[in-house]
Amino acid sequence: MPALEATVLCDVRCQVGESPVWSATEQALYWVDIEGRAVHRVDDAGRHQQWPMPERIGCVALHARGGLLAAMETGLFHLRLQADGTLATTCVQAVDFPLPDMRFNDGRTDRQGRFWVSSMVRNMALASPAGALHRYAKGRYEPTPVTGLRTGNGLGFSPDGRVMYLSDSHPTVQQIWAFDFNDEGHPTGQRLFVDMNQHPGRPDGAAVDADGCYWICANDAGLVHRFTPDGRLDRSLAVPAAKPAMCAFGGTRLDRLYVTTIAPAAPISGYEASLAGAVFVLNPQCTGLVDAAFAS
């Protein structure tokens, strides 16, 4: 399928745009700037709000009691974002990482409202496998058996909640895995889903559509790939920025694909520098699923 034209959501440019989350109740998109230490929100009328964060923020999820659950440098926080731009934060789980200079990265809720998030060493040049996948549910935070991650990414869950997807976007790995996933939220049966070394781009953040297909941002390639449940590349959509980071479905009919991007340290040939770090809107010609709110 040919690439469809991407439009820019708003004038905001992030250093590291990540974690787009659509709120169907508010008809608004939230996303974060990790290095810019901010949460952004744009409603369907195009109104933009921004909240500065006290530390780096890897990802967010809607919270069932209002606001957001945020994975930050020192732990998990309940954020209550006020219309006047003020912020109230409550630490719900402090975190002691096994190595210095680590942080949370990619995360989202599963179909039951449990929160899943990966950790990583910030200096990717070290290629440290100290990262792991963590779960937070019903007031309990625990590591899972999924360890050895260098740059954990690409979390997604099938429409029936029976399959979990996870990628490692580090240049030395570039794999996407699938796991069996039971009602209690235990991932087992890890298997290779897609070897992204065979496709353009590194596998960054992801989303799953209503057909059960897996959309993965191809970082460094300016593309978003769609893979069918059997791992077949179905289509690739282009964005006018080299480093798409994560995608999410949204809009009234859940037929828009929002894509956050990263601004590289230096301009990349073939891409307009002024668009780096923007959020783009694509027409994926399919519909998505609403992420469950975190059920505390």
C-alpha atoms as a PDB file:
ATOM      1  CA  MET A   1       0.000   0.000   0.000  1.00  0.00           C
ATOM      2  CA  PRO A   2       1.442   3.431  -0.886  1.00  0.00           C
ATOM      3  CA  ALA A   3       2.365   5.816   1.904  1.00  0.00           C
ATOM      4  CA  LEU A   4      -0.388   8.250   2.830  1.00  0.00           C
ATOM      5  CA  GLU A   5       0.233  11.896   3.552  1.00  0.00           C
ATOM      6  CA  ALA A   6       1.089  12.783   7.137  1.00  0.00           C
ATOM      7  CA  THR A   7      -0.078  16.023   8.739  1.00  0.00           C
ATOM      8  CA  VAL A   8       1.428  17.836  11.709  1.00  0.00           C
ATOM      9  CA  LEU A   9      -0.755  17.813  14.828  1.00  0.00           C
ATOM     10  CA  CYS A  10       0.434  21.118  16.330  1.00  0.00           C
ATOM     11  CA  ASP A  11       3.403  23.496  16.591  1.00  0.00           C
ATOM     12  CA  VAL A  12       5.052  21.603  19.469  1.00  0.00           C
ATOM     13  CA  ARG A  13       8.496  20.089  18.841  1.00  0.00           C
ATOM     14  CA  CYS A  14       9.897  17.620  21.373  1.00  0.00           C
ATOM     15  CA  GLN A  15      13.426  16.504  22.079  1.00  0.00           C
ATOM     16  CA  VAL A  16      12.246  12.926  22.602  1.00  0.00           C
ATOM     17  CA  GLY A  17       8.529  12.660  21.845  1.00  0.00           C
ATOM     18  CA  GLU A  18       7.073   9.447  23.255  1.00  0.00           C
ATOM     19  CA  SER A  19       4.049   7.671  24.718  1.00  0.00           C
ATOM     20  CA  PRO A  20       1.034   9.058  22.817  1.00  0.00           C
ATOM     21  CA  VAL A  21      -2.173   8.074  24.627  1.00  0.00           C
ATOM     22  CA  TRP A  22      -5.671   8.879  23.397  1.00  0.00           C
ATOM     23  CA  SER A  23      -8.354   9.780  25.940  1.00  0.00           C
ATOM     24  CA  ALA A  24     -11.743   8.922  24.445  1.00  0.00           C
ATOM     25  CA  THR A  25     -13.485  10.642  27.356  1.00  0.00           C
ATOM     26  CA  GLU A  26     -11.681  13.938  26.758  1.00  0.00           C
ATOM     27  CA  GLN A  27     -11.280  13.490  22.997  1.00  0.00           C
ATOM     28  CA  ALA A  28      -7.657  14.505  23.468  1.00  0.00           C
ATOM     29  CA  LEU A  29      -4.167  13.157  22.912  1.00  0.00           C
ATOM     30  CA  TYR A  30      -1.516  13.091  25.639  1.00  0.00           C
ATOM     31  CA  TRP A  31       2.179  12.485  25.011  1.00  0.00           C
ATOM     32  CA  VAL A  32       5.499  13.108  26.738  1.00  0.00           C
ATOM     33  CA  ASP A  33       8.863  14.668  25.974  1.00  0.00           C
ATOM     34  CA  ILE A  34      11.356  12.537  27.889  1.00  0.00           C
ATOM     35  CA  GLU A  35      14.364  14.827  27.726  1.00  0.00           C
ATOM     36  CA  GLY A  36      12.220  17.971  27.626  1.00  0.00           C
ATOM     37  CA  ARG A  37      10.612  16.787  30.884  1.00  0.00           C
ATOM     38  CA  ALA A  38       7.062  17.670  29.926  1.00  0.00           C
ATOM     39  CA  VAL A  39       3.592  16.239  29.361  1.00  0.00           C
ATOM     40  CA  HIS A  40       1.607  17.626  26.424  1.00  0.00           C
ATOM     41  CA  ARG A  41      -2.079  17.490  25.591  1.00  0.00           C
ATOM     42  CA  VAL A  42      -3.981  18.521  22.453  1.00  0.00           C
ATOM     43  CA  ASP A  43      -7.762  18.205  22.268  1.00  0.00           C
ATOM     44  CA  ASP A  44      -9.775  17.568  19.121  1.00  0.00           C
ATOM     45  CA  ALA A  45     -10.259  21.317  18.681  1.00  0.00           C
ATOM     46  CA  GLY A  46      -6.483  21.805  18.496  1.00  0.00           C
ATOM     47  CA  ARG A  47      -6.031  23.431  21.935  1.00  0.00           C
ATOM     48  CA  HIS A  48      -2.608  22.658  23.403  1.00  0.00           C
ATOM     49  CA  GLN A  49      -1.604  22.428  27.068  1.00  0.00           C
ATOM     50  CA  GLN A  50       1.755  21.618  28.602  1.00  0.00           C
ATOM     51  CA  TRP A  51       2.917  20.617  32.079  1.00  0.00           C
ATOM     52  CA  PRO A  52       6.612  20.689  33.073  1.00  0.00           C
ATOM     53  CA  MET A  53       7.841  17.612  34.947  1.00  0.00           C
ATOM     54  CA  PRO A  54      10.359  17.523  37.831  1.00  0.00           C
ATOM     55  CA  GLU A  55      12.339  14.705  36.166  1.00  0.00           C
ATOM     56  CA  ARG A  56      12.514  12.673  32.975  1.00  0.00           C
ATOM     57  CA  ILE A  57       9.243  10.925  32.160  1.00  0.00           C
ATOM     58  CA  GLY A  58       9.382   7.764  30.067  1.00  0.00           C
ATOM     59  CA  CYS A  59       5.719   7.010  29.464  1.00  0.00           C
ATOM     60  CA  VAL A  60       2.184   7.538  30.729  1.00  0.00           C
ATOM     61  CA  ALA A  61      -1.164   5.760  30.873  1.00  0.00           C
ATOM     62  CA  LEU A  62      -4.632   7.051  31.672  1.00  0.00           C
ATOM     63  CA  HIS A  63      -5.513   6.595  35.344  1.00  0.00           C
ATOM     64  CA  ALA A  64      -8.964   5.285  36.298  1.00  0.00           C
ATOM     65  CA  ARG A  65      -9.206   7.885  39.090  1.00  0.00           C
ATOM     66  CA  GLY A  66      -8.340  10.749  36.742  1.00  0.00           C
ATOM     67  CA  GLY A  67      -5.059  12.105  35.503  1.00  0.00           C
ATOM     68  CA  LEU A  68      -2.195   9.895  34.411  1.00  0.00           C
ATOM     69  CA  LEU A  69       0.029   7.157  35.754  1.00  0.00           C
ATOM     70  CA  ALA A  70       3.590   8.138  34.850  1.00  0.00           C
ATOM     71  CA  ALA A  71       6.834   6.154  34.825  1.00  0.00           C
ATOM     72  CA  MET A  72       9.566   8.594  35.808  1.00  0.00           C
ATOM     73  CA  GLU A  73      13.204   8.391  36.860  1.00  0.00           C
ATOM     74  CA  THR A  74      12.602   7.685  40.527  1.00  0.00           C
ATOM     75  CA  GLY A  75       9.371   5.711  40.369  1.00  0.00           C
ATOM     76  CA  LEU A  76       5.738   5.543  39.310  1.00  0.00           C
ATOM     77  CA  PHE A  77       3.632   8.640  39.957  1.00  0.00           C
ATOM     78  CA  HIS A  78      -0.027   9.589  39.802  1.00  0.00           C
ATOM     79  CA  LEU A  79      -0.158  12.906  37.958  1.00  0.00           C
ATOM     80  CA  ARG A  80      -3.106  15.243  38.391  1.00  0.00           C
ATOM     81  CA  LEU A  81      -2.857  17.829  35.637  1.00  0.00           C
ATOM     82  CA  GLN A  82      -4.673  21.090  36.298  1.00  0.00           C
ATOM     83  CA  ALA A  83      -6.144  23.321  33.594  1.00  0.00           C
ATOM     84  CA  ASP A  84      -4.097  26.291  34.844  1.00  0.00           C
ATOM     85  CA  GLY A  85      -0.871  24.436  34.063  1.00  0.00           C
ATOM     86  CA  THR A  86      -0.123  23.380  37.625  1.00  0.00           C
ATOM     87  CA  LEU A  87       0.699  19.813  38.535  1.00  0.00           C
ATOM     88  CA  ALA A  88       0.085  17.597  41.540  1.00  0.00           C
ATOM     89  CA  THR A  89       2.214  14.460  41.791  1.00  0.00           C
ATOM     90  CA  THR A  90       1.916  11.498  44.136  1.00  0.00           C
ATOM     91  CA  CYS A  91       4.557   8.773  44.204  1.00  0.00           C
ATOM     92  CA  VAL A  92       2.769   5.430  44.204  1.00  0.00           C
ATOM     93  CA  GLN A  93       5.875   3.271  43.842  1.00  0.00           C
ATOM     94  CA  ALA A  94       9.498   4.247  44.410  1.00  0.00           C
ATOM     95  CA  VAL A  95      12.030   2.338  42.308  1.00  0.00           C
ATOM     96  CA  ASP A  96      15.627   1.347  42.989  1.00  0.00           C
ATOM     97  CA  PHE A  97      17.217   0.319  39.698  1.00  0.00           C
ATOM     98  CA  PRO A  98      20.090  -2.220  39.731  1.00  0.00           C
ATOM     99  CA  LEU A  99      22.561   0.158  38.036  1.00  0.00           C
ATOM    100  CA  PRO A 100      23.094   3.926  38.147  1.00  0.00           C
ATOM    101  CA  ASP A 101      21.749   6.177  35.415  1.00  0.00           C
ATOM    102  CA  MET A 102      18.777   3.990  34.536  1.00  0.00           C
ATOM    103  CA  ARG A 103      15.213   5.057  33.800  1.00  0.00           C
ATOM    104  CA  PHE A 104      11.880   3.708  32.631  1.00  0.00           C
ATOM    105  CA  ASN A 105      11.234   3.743  28.903  1.00  0.00           C
ATOM    106  CA  ASP A 106       8.269   2.274  27.003  1.00  0.00           C
ATOM    107  CA  GLY A 107       5.071   1.304  28.789  1.00  0.00           C
ATOM    108  CA  ARG A 108       1.319   0.880  28.537  1.00  0.00           C
ATOM    109  CA  THR A 109      -1.636  -0.905  30.124  1.00  0.00           C
ATOM    110  CA  ASP A 110      -2.869  -4.322  29.102  1.00  0.00           C
ATOM    111  CA  ARG A 111      -6.534  -5.079  28.387  1.00  0.00           C
ATOM    112  CA  GLN A 112      -7.214  -5.564  32.119  1.00  0.00           C
ATOM    113  CA  GLY A 113      -5.687  -2.214  33.119  1.00  0.00           C
ATOM    114  CA  ARG A 114      -2.394  -3.540  34.510  1.00  0.00           C
ATOM    115  CA  PHE A 115       0.586  -1.288  33.787  1.00  0.00           C
ATOM    116  CA  TRP A 116       3.676  -2.690  32.061  1.00  0.00           C
ATOM    117  CA  VAL A 117       6.921  -0.770  31.604  1.00  0.00           C
ATOM    118  CA  SER A 118      10.488  -1.524  30.544  1.00  0.00           C
ATOM    119  CA  SER A 119      13.663  -0.128  32.089  1.00  0.00           C
ATOM    120  CA  MET A 120      16.971   0.744  30.440  1.00  0.00           C
ATOM    121  CA  VAL A 121      20.429   2.209  30.996  1.00  0.00           C
ATOM    122  CA  ARG A 122      20.292   5.745  29.601  1.00  0.00           C
ATOM    123  CA  ASN A 123      23.658   5.544  27.851  1.00  0.00           C
ATOM    124  CA  MET A 124      22.798   3.315  24.895  1.00  0.00           C
ATOM    125  CA  ALA A 125      26.462   3.211  23.837  1.00  0.00           C
ATOM    126  CA  LEU A 126      27.061   0.847  26.757  1.00  0.00           C
ATOM    127  CA  ALA A 127      24.637  -1.708  25.260  1.00  0.00           C
ATOM    128  CA  SER A 128      23.870  -2.814  28.805  1.00  0.00           C
ATOM    129  CA  PRO A 129      21.398  -5.717  29.156  1.00  0.00           C
ATOM    130  CA  ALA A 130      20.373  -4.498  32.624  1.00  0.00           C
ATOM    131  CA  GLY A 131      16.880  -3.529  31.453  1.00  0.00           C
ATOM    132  CA  ALA A 132      13.823  -5.592  32.335  1.00  0.00           C
ATOM    133  CA  LEU A 133      10.061  -5.606  32.035  1.00  0.00           C
ATOM    134  CA  HIS A 134       8.038  -4.651  35.112  1.00  0.00           C
ATOM    135  CA  ARG A 135       4.367  -4.894  36.048  1.00  0.00           C
ATOM    136  CA  TYR A 136       2.354  -2.715  38.413  1.00  0.00           C
ATOM    137  CA  ALA A 137      -1.155  -3.778  39.410  1.00  0.00           C
ATOM    138  CA  LYS A 138      -3.347  -3.564  42.514  1.00  0.00           C
ATOM    139  CA  GLY A 139      -0.669  -1.731  44.459  1.00  0.00           C
ATOM    140  CA  ARG A 140       1.982  -4.347  43.740  1.00  0.00           C
ATOM    141  CA  TYR A 141       5.106  -3.633  41.686  1.00  0.00           C
ATOM    142  CA  GLU A 142       7.187  -6.555  40.487  1.00  0.00           C
ATOM    143  CA  PRO A 143       9.791  -7.474  37.894  1.00  0.00           C
ATOM    144  CA  THR A 144       8.715 -10.114  35.393  1.00  0.00           C
ATOM    145  CA  PRO A 145      10.816 -13.007  34.037  1.00  0.00           C
ATOM    146  CA  VAL A 146      11.541 -10.858  30.948  1.00  0.00           C
ATOM    147  CA  THR A 147      15.087  -9.569  31.513  1.00  0.00           C
ATOM    148  CA  GLY A 148      18.221  -8.820  29.518  1.00  0.00           C
ATOM    149  CA  LEU A 149      16.723  -5.854  27.665  1.00  0.00           C
ATOM    150  CA  ARG A 150      18.999  -3.178  26.261  1.00  0.00           C
ATOM    151  CA  THR A 151      16.279  -0.786  25.069  1.00  0.00           C
ATOM    152  CA  GLY A 152      12.891  -2.320  25.790  1.00  0.00           C
ATOM    153  CA  ASN A 153      10.148  -0.976  23.540  1.00  0.00           C
ATOM    154  CA  GLY A 154       7.149  -1.902  21.440  1.00  0.00           C
ATOM    155  CA  LEU A 155       4.745  -3.069  24.152  1.00  0.00           C
ATOM    156  CA  GLY A 156       1.365  -4.064  22.762  1.00  0.00           C
ATOM    157  CA  PHE A 157      -1.468  -6.489  23.453  1.00  0.00           C
ATOM    158  CA  SER A 158      -3.720  -8.372  21.057  1.00  0.00           C
ATOM    159  CA  PRO A 159      -7.427  -7.429  21.013  1.00  0.00           C
ATOM    160  CA  ASP A 160      -8.344 -10.521  23.056  1.00  0.00           C
ATOM    161  CA  GLY A 161      -5.485  -9.944  25.489  1.00  0.00           C
ATOM    162  CA  ARG A 162      -3.955 -13.353  24.792  1.00  0.00           C
ATOM    163  CA  VAL A 163      -0.733 -12.137  23.160  1.00  0.00           C
ATOM    164  CA  MET A 164       1.802  -9.602  24.416  1.00  0.00           C
ATOM    165  CA  TYR A 165       4.338  -7.980  22.087  1.00  0.00           C
ATOM    166  CA  LEU A 166       7.685  -6.509  23.092  1.00  0.00           C
ATOM    167  CA  SER A 167      10.645  -5.191  21.123  1.00  0.00           C
ATOM    168  CA  ASP A 168      14.245  -4.263  21.827  1.00  0.00           C
ATOM    169  CA  SER A 169      15.202  -1.296  19.677  1.00  0.00           C
ATOM    170  CA  HIS A 170      18.900  -1.269  20.510  1.00  0.00           C
ATOM    171  CA  PRO A 171      21.028  -1.400  17.311  1.00  0.00           C
ATOM    172  CA  THR A 172      22.652  -4.629  18.507  1.00  0.00           C
ATOM    173  CA  VAL A 173      19.271  -6.386  18.900  1.00  0.00           C
ATOM    174  CA  GLN A 174      16.401  -5.036  16.731  1.00  0.00           C
ATOM    175  CA  GLN A 175      13.972  -7.863  17.515  1.00  0.00           C
ATOM    176  CA  ILE A 176      10.226  -8.033  18.191  1.00  0.00           C
ATOM    177  CA  TRP A 177       8.915 -10.899  20.294  1.00  0.00           C
ATOM    178  CA  ALA A 178       5.470 -12.315  21.010  1.00  0.00           C
ATOM    179  CA  PHE A 179       4.448 -13.952  24.291  1.00  0.00           C
ATOM    180  CA  ASP A 180       1.473 -15.999  25.384  1.00  0.00           C
ATOM    181  CA  PHE A 181      -0.452 -13.967  27.938  1.00  0.00           C
ATOM    182  CA  ASN A 182      -2.968 -15.424  30.391  1.00  0.00           C
ATOM    183  CA  ASP A 183      -5.742 -13.831  32.456  1.00  0.00           C
ATOM    184  CA  GLU A 184      -3.433 -13.402  35.452  1.00  0.00           C
ATOM    185  CA  GLY A 185      -1.002 -11.372  33.351  1.00  0.00           C
ATOM    186  CA  HIS A 186       1.920 -13.769  33.087  1.00  0.00           C
ATOM    187  CA  PRO A 187       3.882 -13.664  29.812  1.00  0.00           C
ATOM    188  CA  THR A 188       5.225 -17.062  28.742  1.00  0.00           C
ATOM    189  CA  GLY A 189       6.372 -18.773  25.578  1.00  0.00           C
ATOM    190  CA  GLN A 190       8.620 -15.995  24.289  1.00  0.00           C
ATOM    191  CA  ARG A 191       9.184 -16.358  20.540  1.00  0.00           C
ATOM    192  CA  LEU A 192      10.513 -14.263  17.688  1.00  0.00           C
ATOM    193  CA  PHE A 193       7.708 -12.353  16.004  1.00  0.00           C
ATOM    194  CA  VAL A 194       9.691 -10.142  13.601  1.00  0.00           C
ATOM    195  CA  ASP A 195      13.421  -9.780  12.997  1.00  0.00           C
ATOM    196  CA  MET A 196      13.665  -6.065  12.255  1.00  0.00           C
ATOM    197  CA  ASN A 197      17.177  -6.534  10.933  1.00  0.00           C
ATOM    198  CA  GLN A 198      15.346  -7.698   7.803  1.00  0.00           C
ATOM    199  CA  HIS A 199      13.308  -4.476   7.518  1.00  0.00           C
ATOM    200  CA  PRO A 200      14.101  -0.745   7.433  1.00  0.00           C
ATOM    201  CA  GLY A 201      14.415   0.929  10.821  1.00  0.00           C
ATOM    202  CA  ARG A 202      14.808  -0.077  14.449  1.00  0.00           C
ATOM    203  CA  PRO A 203      11.664  -1.308  16.273  1.00  0.00           C
ATOM    204  CA  ASP A 204      10.562   1.459  18.645  1.00  0.00           C
ATOM    205  CA  GLY A 205       7.090   2.070  20.148  1.00  0.00           C
ATOM    206  CA  ALA A 206       3.998   0.273  18.904  1.00  0.00           C
ATOM    207  CA  ALA A 207       0.208  -0.065  18.859  1.00  0.00           C
ATOM    208  CA  VAL A 208      -2.235  -2.846  17.960  1.00  0.00           C
ATOM    209  CA  ASP A 209      -5.273  -2.239  15.753  1.00  0.00           C
ATOM    210  CA  ALA A 210      -8.768  -3.738  15.906  1.00  0.00           C
ATOM    211  CA  ASP A 211      -7.775  -6.417  13.383  1.00  0.00           C
ATOM    212  CA  GLY A 212      -5.009  -7.595  15.689  1.00  0.00           C
ATOM    213  CA  CYS A 213      -2.238  -6.210  13.483  1.00  0.00           C
ATOM    214  CA  TYR A 214       0.862  -4.753  15.121  1.00  0.00           C
ATOM    215  CA  TRP A 215       2.069  -1.254  14.149  1.00  0.00           C
ATOM    216  CA  ILE A 216       5.714  -0.511  14.976  1.00  0.00           C
ATOM    217  CA  CYS A 217       7.609   2.748  14.560  1.00  0.00           C
ATOM    218  CA  ALA A 218      10.715   2.158  12.435  1.00  0.00           C
ATOM    219  CA  ASN A 219      13.158   4.538  14.079  1.00  0.00           C
ATOM    220  CA  ASP A 220      15.858   5.933  11.751  1.00  0.00           C
ATOM    221  CA  ALA A 221      13.783   4.970   8.686  1.00  0.00           C
ATOM    222  CA  GLY A 222      10.912   7.494   8.814  1.00  0.00           C
ATOM    223  CA  LEU A 223       8.345   4.692   8.605  1.00  0.00           C
ATOM    224  CA  VAL A 224       5.614   2.959  10.582  1.00  0.00           C
ATOM    225  CA  HIS A 225       5.229  -0.726   9.682  1.00  0.00           C
ATOM    226  CA  ARG A 226       2.121  -2.859  10.068  1.00  0.00           C
ATOM    227  CA  PHE A 227       2.623  -6.572  10.680  1.00  0.00           C
ATOM    228  CA  THR A 228      -0.184  -9.132  10.601  1.00  0.00           C
ATOM    229  CA  PRO A 229      -0.590 -11.515  13.573  1.00  0.00           C
ATOM    230  CA  ASP A 230       1.512 -14.101  11.727  1.00  0.00           C
ATOM    231  CA  GLY A 231       4.426 -11.644  11.402  1.00  0.00           C
ATOM    232  CA  ARG A 232       3.946 -10.690   7.756  1.00  0.00           C
ATOM    233  CA  LEU A 233       4.721  -7.088   6.727  1.00  0.00           C
ATOM    234  CA  ASP A 234       1.381  -5.744   5.489  1.00  0.00           C
ATOM    235  CA  ARG A 235       2.140  -2.068   4.792  1.00  0.00           C
ATOM    236  CA  SER A 236       4.491   0.790   5.625  1.00  0.00           C
ATOM    237  CA  LEU A 237       3.458   4.421   6.090  1.00  0.00           C
ATOM    238  CA  ALA A 238       5.944   7.270   5.824  1.00  0.00           C
ATOM    239  CA  VAL A 239       6.362  10.173   8.211  1.00  0.00           C
ATOM    240  CA  PRO A 240       8.462  13.242   7.254  1.00  0.00           C
ATOM    241  CA  ALA A 241      10.849  12.736  10.182  1.00  0.00           C
ATOM    242  CA  ALA A 242      13.611  10.150  10.407  1.00  0.00           C
ATOM    243  CA  LYS A 243      12.978   9.025  13.972  1.00  0.00           C
ATOM    244  CA  PRO A 244       9.358   8.028  14.673  1.00  0.00           C
ATOM    245  CA  ALA A 245       9.227   6.841  18.273  1.00  0.00           C
ATOM    246  CA  MET A 246       5.751   5.585  19.219  1.00  0.00           C
ATOM    247  CA  CYS A 247       2.252   5.477  17.754  1.00  0.00           C
ATOM    248  CA  ALA A 248      -1.309   5.381  19.069  1.00  0.00           C
ATOM    249  CA  PHE A 249      -4.788   5.248  17.579  1.00  0.00           C
ATOM    250  CA  GLY A 250      -7.202   8.056  18.330  1.00  0.00           C
ATOM    251  CA  GLY A 251      -9.889  10.349  17.020  1.00  0.00           C
ATOM    252  CA  THR A 252     -13.652  10.029  17.351  1.00  0.00           C
ATOM    253  CA  ARG A 253     -13.688   6.821  15.301  1.00  0.00           C
ATOM    254  CA  LEU A 254     -10.207   5.657  16.360  1.00  0.00           C
ATOM    255  CA  ASP A 255      -9.189   5.898  12.710  1.00  0.00           C
ATOM    256  CA  ARG A 256      -6.222   8.247  13.122  1.00  0.00           C
ATOM    257  CA  LEU A 257      -2.702   7.101  13.881  1.00  0.00           C
ATOM    258  CA  TYR A 258      -0.720   9.594  15.969  1.00  0.00           C
ATOM    259  CA  VAL A 259       3.066   9.266  15.735  1.00  0.00           C
ATOM    260  CA  THR A 260       5.538  11.000  18.050  1.00  0.00           C
ATOM    261  CA  THR A 261       9.108  11.627  16.888  1.00  0.00           C
ATOM    262  CA  ILE A 262      12.586  12.343  18.218  1.00  0.00           C
ATOM    263  CA  ALA A 263      14.714  15.329  17.239  1.00  0.00           C
ATOM    264  CA  PRO A 264      18.194  14.020  16.308  1.00  0.00           C
ATOM    265  CA  ALA A 265      21.330  15.700  17.576  1.00  0.00           C
ATOM    266  CA  ALA A 266      22.117  16.818  14.020  1.00  0.00           C
ATOM    267  CA  PRO A 267      19.920  17.221  10.917  1.00  0.00           C
ATOM    268  CA  ILE A 268      19.477  14.060   8.841  1.00  0.00           C
ATOM    269  CA  SER A 269      19.771  14.313   5.089  1.00  0.00           C
ATOM    270  CA  GLY A 270      16.469  13.955   3.264  1.00  0.00           C
ATOM    271  CA  TYR A 271      14.328  15.193   6.159  1.00  0.00           C
ATOM    272  CA  GLU A 272      13.141  18.710   6.971  1.00  0.00           C
ATOM    273  CA  ALA A 273      14.865  19.711  10.205  1.00  0.00           C
ATOM    274  CA  SER A 274      11.945  21.891  11.323  1.00  0.00           C
ATOM    275  CA  LEU A 275       9.693  18.803  11.524  1.00  0.00           C
ATOM    276  CA  ALA A 276      11.949  16.768  13.812  1.00  0.00           C
ATOM    277  CA  GLY A 277      10.239  16.189  17.150  1.00  0.00           C
ATOM    278  CA  ALA A 278       6.738  16.878  15.815  1.00  0.00           C
ATOM    279  CA  VAL A 279       3.655  14.711  16.324  1.00  0.00           C
ATOM    280  CA  PHE A 280       2.180  13.506  13.042  1.00  0.00           C
ATOM    281  CA  VAL A 281      -1.289  12.268  12.153  1.00  0.00           C
ATOM    282  CA  LEU A 282      -1.674   9.460   9.613  1.00  0.00           C
ATOM    283  CA  ASN A 283      -4.669   7.800   7.989  1.00  0.00           C
ATOM    284  CA  PRO A 284      -3.965   4.095   8.576  1.00  0.00           C
ATOM    285  CA  GLN A 285      -7.143   2.954   6.762  1.00  0.00           C
ATOM    286  CA  CYS A 286      -8.154   0.867   9.745  1.00  0.00           C
ATOM    287  CA  THR A 287      -9.362   1.459  13.292  1.00  0.00           C
ATOM    288  CA  GLY A 288      -7.591   1.012  16.590  1.00  0.00           C
ATOM    289  CA  LEU A 289      -8.375   0.083  20.156  1.00  0.00           C
ATOM    290  CA  VAL A 290      -8.711   2.238  23.260  1.00  0.00           C
ATOM    291  CA  ASP A 291      -6.076   1.495  25.884  1.00  0.00           C
ATOM    292  CA  ALA A 292      -7.586   0.541  29.221  1.00  0.00           C
ATOM    293  CA  ALA A 293      -7.130   3.040  32.017  1.00  0.00           C
ATOM    294  CA  PHE A 294      -4.803   1.939  34.788  1.00  0.00           C
ATOM    295  CA  ALA A 295      -7.010   0.218  37.334  1.00  0.00           C
ATOM    296  CA  SER A 296      -5.601   1.071  40.749  1.00  0.00           C
END
